[in-house]
PDB file of N, CA and C in Angstrom:
ATOM      1  N   MET A   1       8.032   2.994 -55.295  1.00  0.00           N
ATOM      2  CA  MET A   1       9.018   4.159 -54.851  1.00  0.00           C
ATOM      3  C   MET A   1       9.946   3.312 -53.965  1.00  0.00           C
ATOM      4  N   VAL A   2      11.242   3.933 -53.914  1.00  0.00           N
ATOM      5  CA  VAL A   2      12.494   3.504 -53.321  1.00  0.00           C
ATOM      6  C   VAL A   2      12.827   4.442 -52.391  1.00  0.00           C
ATOM      7  N   ALA A   3      12.890   3.827 -51.177  1.00  0.00           N
ATOM      8  CA  ALA A   3      13.167   4.778 -50.038  1.00  0.00           C
ATOM      9  C   ALA A   3      14.808   4.657 -49.643  1.00  0.00           C
ATOM     10  N   VAL A   4      15.656   5.772 -49.334  1.00  0.00           N
ATOM     11  CA  VAL A   4      16.891   5.652 -48.747  1.00  0.00           C
ATOM     12  C   VAL A   4      16.795   5.440 -47.483  1.00  0.00           C
ATOM     13  N   LYS A   5      17.224   4.251 -46.793  1.00  0.00           N
ATOM     14  CA  LYS A   5      17.013   4.084 -45.629  1.00  0.00           C
ATOM     15  C   LYS A   5      18.323   4.553 -44.754  1.00  0.00           C
ATOM     16  N   ARG A   6      19.686   4.259 -45.432  1.00  0.00           N
ATOM     17  CA  ARG A   6      20.921   4.550 -44.645  1.00  0.00           C
ATOM     18  C   ARG A   6      21.911   4.869 -45.485  1.00  0.00           C
ATOM     19  N   LEU A   7      22.715   5.871 -45.006  1.00  0.00           N
ATOM     20  CA  LEU A   7      23.830   6.543 -45.828  1.00  0.00           C
ATOM     21  C   LEU A   7      24.877   6.438 -45.075  1.00  0.00           C
ATOM     22  N   VAL A   8      26.156   6.031 -45.552  1.00  0.00           N
ATOM     23  CA  VAL A   8      27.469   6.384 -44.897  1.00  0.00           C
ATOM     24  C   VAL A   8      28.437   7.197 -45.837  1.00  0.00           C
ATOM     25  N   LEU A   9      28.785   8.311 -45.364  1.00  0.00           N
ATOM     26  CA  LEU A   9      29.186   9.572 -46.263  1.00  0.00           C
ATOM     27  C   LEU A   9      30.672   9.744 -45.611  1.00  0.00           C
ATOM     28  N   ASP A  10      31.660  10.142 -46.600  1.00  0.00           N
ATOM     29  CA  ASP A  10      32.885  10.595 -46.370  1.00  0.00           C
ATOM     30  C   ASP A  10      32.858  12.100 -46.622  1.00  0.00           C
ATOM     31  N   ILE A  11      33.043  13.025 -45.457  1.00  0.00           N
ATOM     32  CA  ILE A  11      33.067  14.330 -45.498  1.00  0.00           C
ATOM     33  C   ILE A  11      34.194  15.065 -45.083  1.00  0.00           C
ATOM     34  N   LEU A  12      34.412  16.130 -45.647  1.00  0.00           N
ATOM     35  CA  LEU A  12      35.641  17.113 -45.338  1.00  0.00           C
ATOM     36  C   LEU A  12      34.854  18.349 -44.944  1.00  0.00           C
ATOM     37  N   LYS A  13      35.329  18.691 -43.711  1.00  0.00           N
ATOM     38  CA  LYS A  13      34.572  20.082 -43.275  1.00  0.00           C
ATOM     39  C   LYS A  13      35.685  20.839 -42.493  1.00  0.00           C
ATOM     40  N   PRO A  14      35.283  22.279 -42.364  1.00  0.00           N
ATOM     41  CA  PRO A  14      36.360  23.072 -41.187  1.00  0.00           C
ATOM     42  C   PRO A  14      36.274  22.739 -39.949  1.00  0.00           C
ATOM     43  N   HIS A  15      36.964  23.152 -39.099  1.00  0.00           N
ATOM     44  CA  HIS A  15      36.858  22.958 -37.629  1.00  0.00           C
ATOM     45  C   HIS A  15      35.522  23.468 -36.966  1.00  0.00           C
ATOM     46  N   GLN A  16      34.907  24.499 -37.333  1.00  0.00           N
ATOM     47  CA  GLN A  16      33.632  25.000 -37.073  1.00  0.00           C
ATOM     48  C   GLN A  16      32.496  24.891 -38.097  1.00  0.00           C
ATOM     49  N   PRO A  17      31.334  24.657 -37.931  1.00  0.00           N
ATOM     50  CA  PRO A  17      30.928  24.024 -36.700  1.00  0.00           C
ATOM     51  C   PRO A  17      31.578  22.831 -36.014  1.00  0.00           C
ATOM     52  N   ASN A  18      31.776  22.605 -34.790  1.00  0.00           N
ATOM     53  CA  ASN A  18      32.098  21.241 -34.118  1.00  0.00           C
ATOM     54  C   ASN A  18      31.389  19.927 -34.486  1.00  0.00           C
ATOM     55  N   ALA A  19      31.762  19.088 -34.247  1.00  0.00           N
ATOM     56  CA  ALA A  19      31.104  17.704 -34.511  1.00  0.00           C
ATOM     57  C   ALA A  19      29.742  17.585 -34.138  1.00  0.00           C
ATOM     58  N   LEU A  20      29.510  18.118 -32.854  1.00  0.00           N
ATOM     59  CA  LEU A  20      28.028  18.094 -32.296  1.00  0.00           C
ATOM     60  C   LEU A  20      27.316  18.873 -33.000  1.00  0.00           C
ATOM     61  N   GLU A  21      27.701  20.126 -33.421  1.00  0.00           N
ATOM     62  CA  GLU A  21      26.519  20.946 -34.082  1.00  0.00           C
ATOM     63  C   GLU A  21      26.515  20.500 -35.519  1.00  0.00           C
ATOM     64  N   PHE A  22      27.458  20.022 -36.064  1.00  0.00           N
ATOM     65  CA  PHE A  22      27.140  19.439 -37.373  1.00  0.00           C
ATOM     66  C   PHE A  22      26.289  18.420 -37.396  1.00  0.00           C
ATOM     67  N   SER A  23      26.441  17.436 -36.616  1.00  0.00           N
ATOM     68  CA  SER A  23      25.591  16.476 -36.402  1.00  0.00           C
ATOM     69  C   SER A  23      24.239  16.763 -36.269  1.00  0.00           C
ATOM     70  N   ARG A  24      23.878  17.743 -35.120  1.00  0.00           N
ATOM     71  CA  ARG A  24      22.442  18.002 -35.046  1.00  0.00           C
ATOM     72  C   ARG A  24      21.795  18.685 -36.076  1.00  0.00           C
ATOM     73  N   SER A  25      22.648  19.514 -36.958  1.00  0.00           N
ATOM     74  CA  SER A  25      22.049  20.330 -38.167  1.00  0.00           C
ATOM     75  C   SER A  25      21.778  19.098 -39.274  1.00  0.00           C
ATOM     76  N   ILE A  26      22.660  18.050 -39.497  1.00  0.00           N
ATOM     77  CA  ILE A  26      22.220  17.052 -40.252  1.00  0.00           C
ATOM     78  C   ILE A  26      21.075  16.272 -39.922  1.00  0.00           C
ATOM     79  N   ALA A  27      20.935  15.860 -38.531  1.00  0.00           N
ATOM     80  CA  ALA A  27      19.655  15.203 -37.956  1.00  0.00           C
ATOM     81  C   ALA A  27      18.458  16.065 -38.255  1.00  0.00           C
ATOM     82  N   ALA A  28      18.500  17.254 -37.990  1.00  0.00           N
ATOM     83  CA  ALA A  28      17.524  18.364 -38.231  1.00  0.00           C
ATOM     84  C   ALA A  28      16.674  18.086 -39.528  1.00  0.00           C
ATOM     85  N   VAL A  29      17.521  17.967 -40.576  1.00  0.00           N
ATOM     86  CA  VAL A  29      16.917  17.880 -41.979  1.00  0.00           C
ATOM     87  C   VAL A  29      15.828  17.115 -42.184  1.00  0.00           C
ATOM     88  N   GLY A  30      15.840  15.814 -41.449  1.00  0.00           N
ATOM     89  CA  GLY A  30      14.517  14.877 -41.430  1.00  0.00           C
ATOM     90  C   GLY A  30      13.904  14.951 -40.302  1.00  0.00           C
ATOM     91  N   ALA A  31      12.813  14.421 -40.244  1.00  0.00           N
ATOM     92  CA  ALA A  31      12.256  14.112 -38.932  1.00  0.00           C
ATOM     93  C   ALA A  31      12.474  13.118 -37.834  1.00  0.00           C
ATOM     94  N   ASP A  32      12.873  11.874 -38.591  1.00  0.00           N
ATOM     95  CA  ASP A  32      13.395  10.883 -37.941  1.00  0.00           C
ATOM     96  C   ASP A  32      14.890  10.404 -38.203  1.00  0.00           C
ATOM     97  N   TYR A  33      15.666  11.406 -38.477  1.00  0.00           N
ATOM     98  CA  TYR A  33      17.182  10.987 -38.760  1.00  0.00           C
ATOM     99  C   TYR A  33      17.989  10.700 -37.503  1.00  0.00           C
ATOM    100  N   ARG A  34      18.608   9.518 -37.744  1.00  0.00           N
ATOM    101  CA  ARG A  34      19.441   9.194 -36.659  1.00  0.00           C
ATOM    102  C   ARG A  34      20.870   9.291 -37.252  1.00  0.00           C
ATOM    103  N   VAL A  35      21.970  10.178 -36.615  1.00  0.00           N
ATOM    104  CA  VAL A  35      23.170  10.459 -37.223  1.00  0.00           C
ATOM    105  C   VAL A  35      24.208   9.923 -36.239  1.00  0.00           C
ATOM    106  N   ARG A  36      25.244   9.319 -36.786  1.00  0.00           N
ATOM    107  CA  ARG A  36      26.310   8.884 -36.161  1.00  0.00           C
ATOM    108  C   ARG A  36      27.652   9.339 -36.916  1.00  0.00           C
ATOM    109  N   LEU A  37      28.349  10.329 -36.257  1.00  0.00           N
ATOM    110  CA  LEU A  37      29.612  10.793 -36.893  1.00  0.00           C
ATOM    111  C   LEU A  37      30.846  10.383 -36.039  1.00  0.00           C
ATOM    112  N   THR A  38      31.833   9.977 -36.895  1.00  0.00           N
ATOM    113  CA  THR A  38      33.320   9.764 -36.507  1.00  0.00           C
ATOM    114  C   THR A  38      34.165  10.522 -36.998  1.00  0.00           C
ATOM    115  N   VAL A  39      34.936  11.236 -36.192  1.00  0.00           N
ATOM    116  CA  VAL A  39      36.256  11.972 -36.632  1.00  0.00           C
ATOM    117  C   VAL A  39      37.125  11.023 -37.168  1.00  0.00           C
ATOM    118  N   ILE A  40      37.553  10.989 -38.226  1.00  0.00           N
ATOM    119  CA  ILE A  40      38.672  10.309 -38.910  1.00  0.00           C
ATOM    120  C   ILE A  40      40.054  10.827 -38.822  1.00  0.00           C
ATOM    121  N   GLU A  41      40.208  12.173 -39.260  1.00  0.00           N
ATOM    122  CA  GLU A  41      41.472  12.712 -39.329  1.00  0.00           C
ATOM    123  C   GLU A  41      41.199  14.315 -39.164  1.00  0.00           C
ATOM    124  N   VAL A  42      42.141  14.855 -38.326  1.00  0.00           N
ATOM    125  CA  VAL A  42      42.183  16.406 -38.087  1.00  0.00           C
ATOM    126  C   VAL A  42      43.425  16.858 -38.553  1.00  0.00           C
ATOM    127  N   ASP A  43      43.293  17.887 -39.444  1.00  0.00           N
ATOM    128  CA  ASP A  43      44.696  18.728 -39.616  1.00  0.00           C
ATOM    129  C   ASP A  43      44.403  20.203 -39.293  1.00  0.00           C
ATOM    130  N   GLU A  44      45.355  20.951 -39.903  1.00  0.00           N
ATOM    131  CA  GLU A  44      45.405  22.375 -39.464  1.00  0.00           C
ATOM    132  C   GLU A  44      44.066  23.222 -39.329  1.00  0.00           C
ATOM    133  N   ASN A  45      43.446  22.951 -40.689  1.00  0.00           N
ATOM    134  CA  ASN A  45      42.319  23.615 -41.249  1.00  0.00           C
ATOM    135  C   ASN A  45      40.843  22.893 -41.219  1.00  0.00           C
ATOM    136  N   THR A  46      41.059  21.597 -41.370  1.00  0.00           N
ATOM    137  CA  THR A  46      39.828  20.770 -41.553  1.00  0.00           C
ATOM    138  C   THR A  46      39.813  19.396 -40.803  1.00  0.00           C
ATOM    139  N   GLU A  47      38.527  18.680 -41.049  1.00  0.00           N
ATOM    140  CA  GLU A  47      38.503  17.529 -40.152  1.00  0.00           C
ATOM    141  C   GLU A  47      37.657  16.394 -41.353  1.00  0.00           C
ATOM    142  N   THR A  48      38.149  15.231 -41.308  1.00  0.00           N
ATOM    143  CA  THR A  48      37.565  14.132 -42.314  1.00  0.00           C
ATOM    144  C   THR A  48      36.764  13.422 -41.371  1.00  0.00           C
ATOM    145  N   LEU A  49      35.402  13.096 -41.824  1.00  0.00           N
ATOM    146  CA  LEU A  49      34.418  12.507 -40.915  1.00  0.00           C
ATOM    147  C   LEU A  49      33.959  11.372 -41.919  1.00  0.00           C
ATOM    148  N   GLN A  50      33.414  10.602 -41.027  1.00  0.00           N
ATOM    149  CA  GLN A  50      32.619   9.622 -41.574  1.00  0.00           C
ATOM    150  C   GLN A  50      31.294   9.619 -40.829  1.00  0.00           C
ATOM    151  N   MET A  51      30.279   9.785 -41.608  1.00  0.00           N
ATOM    152  CA  MET A  51      28.944   9.993 -41.023  1.00  0.00           C
ATOM    153  C   MET A  51      27.939   9.107 -41.506  1.00  0.00           C
ATOM    154  N   MET A  52      27.333   8.158 -40.636  1.00  0.00           N
ATOM    155  CA  MET A  52      26.249   7.446 -41.069  1.00  0.00           C
ATOM    156  C   MET A  52      24.984   8.183 -40.581  1.00  0.00           C
ATOM    157  N   ILE A  53      23.907   7.909 -41.738  1.00  0.00           N
ATOM    158  CA  ILE A  53      22.456   8.509 -41.192  1.00  0.00           C
ATOM    159  C   ILE A  53      21.610   7.576 -41.621  1.00  0.00           C
ATOM    160  N   GLU A  54      20.438   7.499 -40.704  1.00  0.00           N
ATOM    161  CA  GLU A  54      19.455   6.470 -40.857  1.00  0.00           C
ATOM    162  C   GLU A  54      18.276   7.194 -40.548  1.00  0.00           C
ATOM    163  N   GLY A  55      17.044   6.788 -41.603  1.00  0.00           N
ATOM    164  CA  GLY A  55      15.869   7.190 -41.432  1.00  0.00           C
ATOM    165  C   GLY A  55      14.877   6.497 -42.404  1.00  0.00           C
ATOM    166  N   SER A  56      13.666   6.802 -42.222  1.00  0.00           N
ATOM    167  CA  SER A  56      12.597   6.092 -42.862  1.00  0.00           C
ATOM    168  C   SER A  56      12.698   6.487 -44.504  1.00  0.00           C
ATOM    169  N   ALA A  57      13.154   7.722 -44.849  1.00  0.00           N
ATOM    170  CA  ALA A  57      13.225   7.944 -46.308  1.00  0.00           C
ATOM    171  C   ALA A  57      14.361   9.261 -46.306  1.00  0.00           C
ATOM    172  N   ILE A  58      15.486   9.148 -46.360  1.00  0.00           N
ATOM    173  CA  ILE A  58      16.501  10.124 -46.235  1.00  0.00           C
ATOM    174  C   ILE A  58      16.467  10.970 -47.615  1.00  0.00           C
ATOM    175  N   ASP A  59      16.411  12.243 -47.407  1.00  0.00           N
ATOM    176  CA  ASP A  59      16.235  13.190 -48.633  1.00  0.00           C
ATOM    177  C   ASP A  59      17.841  13.448 -48.790  1.00  0.00           C
ATOM    178  N   PHE A  60      18.578  12.906 -49.729  1.00  0.00           N
ATOM    179  CA  PHE A  60      19.802  12.824 -50.082  1.00  0.00           C
ATOM    180  C   PHE A  60      20.220  14.495 -50.385  1.00  0.00           C
ATOM    181  N   GLU A  61      19.573  14.865 -51.340  1.00  0.00           N
ATOM    182  CA  GLU A  61      19.685  16.212 -51.878  1.00  0.00           C
ATOM    183  C   GLU A  61      19.809  17.252 -50.661  1.00  0.00           C
ATOM    184  N   ALA A  62      18.923  17.228 -49.830  1.00  0.00           N
ATOM    185  CA  ALA A  62      18.623  18.124 -48.598  1.00  0.00           C
ATOM    186  C   ALA A  62      19.841  17.973 -47.637  1.00  0.00           C
ATOM    187  N   VAL A  63      20.437  16.546 -47.560  1.00  0.00           N
ATOM    188  CA  VAL A  63      21.542  16.399 -46.522  1.00  0.00           C
ATOM    189  C   VAL A  63      22.694  16.977 -47.293  1.00  0.00           C
ATOM    190  N   GLN A  64      22.976  17.045 -48.546  1.00  0.00           N
ATOM    191  CA  GLN A  64      24.267  17.257 -49.250  1.00  0.00           C
ATOM    192  C   GLN A  64      23.878  18.914 -49.192  1.00  0.00           C
ATOM    193  N   SER A  65      22.876  19.552 -49.277  1.00  0.00           N
ATOM    194  CA  SER A  65      22.773  20.980 -49.306  1.00  0.00           C
ATOM    195  C   SER A  65      23.259  21.271 -47.674  1.00  0.00           C
ATOM    196  N   SER A  66      22.626  20.743 -46.730  1.00  0.00           N
ATOM    197  CA  SER A  66      22.970  21.107 -45.494  1.00  0.00           C
ATOM    198  C   SER A  66      24.564  20.922 -45.031  1.00  0.00           C
ATOM    199  N   ILE A  67      25.001  20.115 -45.627  1.00  0.00           N
ATOM    200  CA  ILE A  67      26.755  19.738 -45.544  1.00  0.00           C
ATOM    201  C   ILE A  67      27.409  20.908 -46.183  1.00  0.00           C
ATOM    202  N   THR A  68      27.133  21.206 -47.453  1.00  0.00           N
ATOM    203  CA  THR A  68      27.491  22.472 -48.271  1.00  0.00           C
ATOM    204  C   THR A  68      27.379  23.663 -47.414  1.00  0.00           C
ATOM    205  N   ASP A  69      26.096  23.787 -46.865  1.00  0.00           N
ATOM    206  CA  ASP A  69      25.790  25.261 -46.086  1.00  0.00           C
ATOM    207  C   ASP A  69      26.697  25.335 -44.868  1.00  0.00           C
ATOM    208  N   MET A  70      27.109  24.304 -44.302  1.00  0.00           N
ATOM    209  CA  MET A  70      27.838  24.354 -42.982  1.00  0.00           C
ATOM    210  C   MET A  70      29.400  24.341 -43.589  1.00  0.00           C
ATOM    211  N   GLY A  71      29.803  24.553 -44.780  1.00  0.00           N
ATOM    212  CA  GLY A  71      31.150  24.690 -45.253  1.00  0.00           C
ATOM    213  C   GLY A  71      31.846  23.411 -45.579  1.00  0.00           C
ATOM    214  N   GLY A  72      31.150  22.286 -45.495  1.00  0.00           N
ATOM    215  CA  GLY A  72      31.806  21.001 -45.864  1.00  0.00           C
ATOM    216  C   GLY A  72      31.441  20.472 -47.057  1.00  0.00           C
ATOM    217  N   SER A  73      32.262  19.528 -47.606  1.00  0.00           N
ATOM    218  CA  SER A  73      32.266  18.983 -48.911  1.00  0.00           C
ATOM    219  C   SER A  73      32.266  17.435 -48.838  1.00  0.00           C
ATOM    220  N   LEU A  74      31.205  16.996 -49.572  1.00  0.00           N
ATOM    221  CA  LEU A  74      31.059  15.374 -49.637  1.00  0.00           C
ATOM    222  C   LEU A  74      32.127  14.750 -50.490  1.00  0.00           C
ATOM    223  N   HIS A  75      33.003  13.850 -49.906  1.00  0.00           N
ATOM    224  CA  HIS A  75      33.803  13.232 -50.862  1.00  0.00           C
ATOM    225  C   HIS A  75      33.384  11.996 -51.409  1.00  0.00           C
ATOM    226  N   SER A  76      32.638  11.268 -50.579  1.00  0.00           N
ATOM    227  CA  SER A  76      32.131   9.896 -51.431  1.00  0.00           C
ATOM    228  C   SER A  76      30.983   9.572 -50.435  1.00  0.00           C
ATOM    229  N   ILE A  77      29.972   8.734 -51.277  1.00  0.00           N
ATOM    230  CA  ILE A  77      29.075   7.863 -50.449  1.00  0.00           C
ATOM    231  C   ILE A  77      29.664   6.543 -50.320  1.00  0.00           C
ATOM    232  N   ASP A  78      29.726   6.151 -49.231  1.00  0.00           N
ATOM    233  CA  ASP A  78      30.502   4.746 -49.081  1.00  0.00           C
ATOM    234  C   ASP A  78      29.706   3.591 -48.825  1.00  0.00           C
ATOM    235  N   GLU A  79      28.449   3.852 -48.328  1.00  0.00           N
ATOM    236  CA  GLU A  79      27.603   2.903 -48.252  1.00  0.00           C
ATOM    237  C   GLU A  79      26.164   3.253 -48.349  1.00  0.00           C
ATOM    238  N   VAL A  80      25.224   2.493 -48.859  1.00  0.00           N
ATOM    239  CA  VAL A  80      23.845   3.013 -49.095  1.00  0.00           C
ATOM    240  C   VAL A  80      22.963   2.108 -48.643  1.00  0.00           C
ATOM    241  N   GLU A  81      21.694   2.027 -48.195  1.00  0.00           N
ATOM    242  CA  GLU A  81      20.821   0.906 -48.090  1.00  0.00           C
ATOM    243  C   GLU A  81      19.494   1.562 -48.319  1.00  0.00           C
ATOM    244  N   VAL A  82      18.802   0.953 -49.377  1.00  0.00           N
ATOM    245  CA  VAL A  82      17.526   1.518 -49.701  1.00  0.00           C
ATOM    246  C   VAL A  82      16.512   0.300 -49.929  1.00  0.00           C
ATOM    247  N   GLN A  83      15.229   0.663 -49.817  1.00  0.00           N
ATOM    248  CA  GLN A  83      14.364  -0.233 -49.860  1.00  0.00           C
ATOM    249  C   GLN A  83      13.157   0.099 -50.633  1.00  0.00           C
ATOM    250  N   SER A  84      12.889  -0.809 -51.442  1.00  0.00           N
ATOM    251  CA  SER A  84      11.411  -0.651 -52.264  1.00  0.00           C
ATOM    252  C   SER A  84      10.203  -0.687 -51.402  1.00  0.00           C
ATOM    253  N   GLU A  85       9.370   0.116 -51.544  1.00  0.00           N
ATOM    254  CA  GLU A  85       8.184   0.297 -51.122  1.00  0.00           C
ATOM    255  C   GLU A  85       6.894   0.509 -51.961  1.00  0.00           C
ATOM    256  N   PRO A  86       5.694  -0.248 -51.514  1.00  0.00           N
ATOM    257  CA  PRO A  86       4.785  -0.301 -52.549  1.00  0.00           C
ATOM    258  C   PRO A  86       4.145   1.181 -52.608  1.00  0.00           C
ATOM    259  N   ASP A  87       3.619   1.552 -53.877  1.00  0.00           N
ATOM    260  CA  ASP A  87       3.027   2.926 -53.808  1.00  0.00           C
ATOM    261  C   ASP A  87       1.720   3.169 -53.372  1.00  0.00           C
ATOM    262  N   ALA A  88       1.474   3.988 -52.712  1.00  0.00           N
ATOM    263  CA  ALA A  88       0.260   4.294 -51.900  1.00  0.00           C
ATOM    264  C   ALA A  88      -0.945   4.762 -52.883  1.00  0.00           C
ATOM    265  N   GLY A  89      -1.812   3.994 -52.575  1.00  0.00           N
ATOM    266  CA  GLY A  89      -3.133   4.354 -53.960  1.00  0.00           C
ATOM    267  C   GLY A  89      -3.920   3.352 -54.196  1.00  0.00           C
TER     268      GLY A  89
END
């Protein structure tokens, strides 16, 4: 099995929810997710973010769904770290 350990994402989101609420919601997707969010640019209606997520096995689809549910849109995956792990059994 290959586990996703770290993602760096480029995200466009509306001003609300704010950066803290947005980060908390993403962190809540996984039991051990650590999130670092940097606001790169702000315009009249949106904010461009760089978000780094670390965890033992990140569920990318769940993260992407959470971003969309909060009105955001994933522009790109800028960095990925994965690790091969032995299958249990």
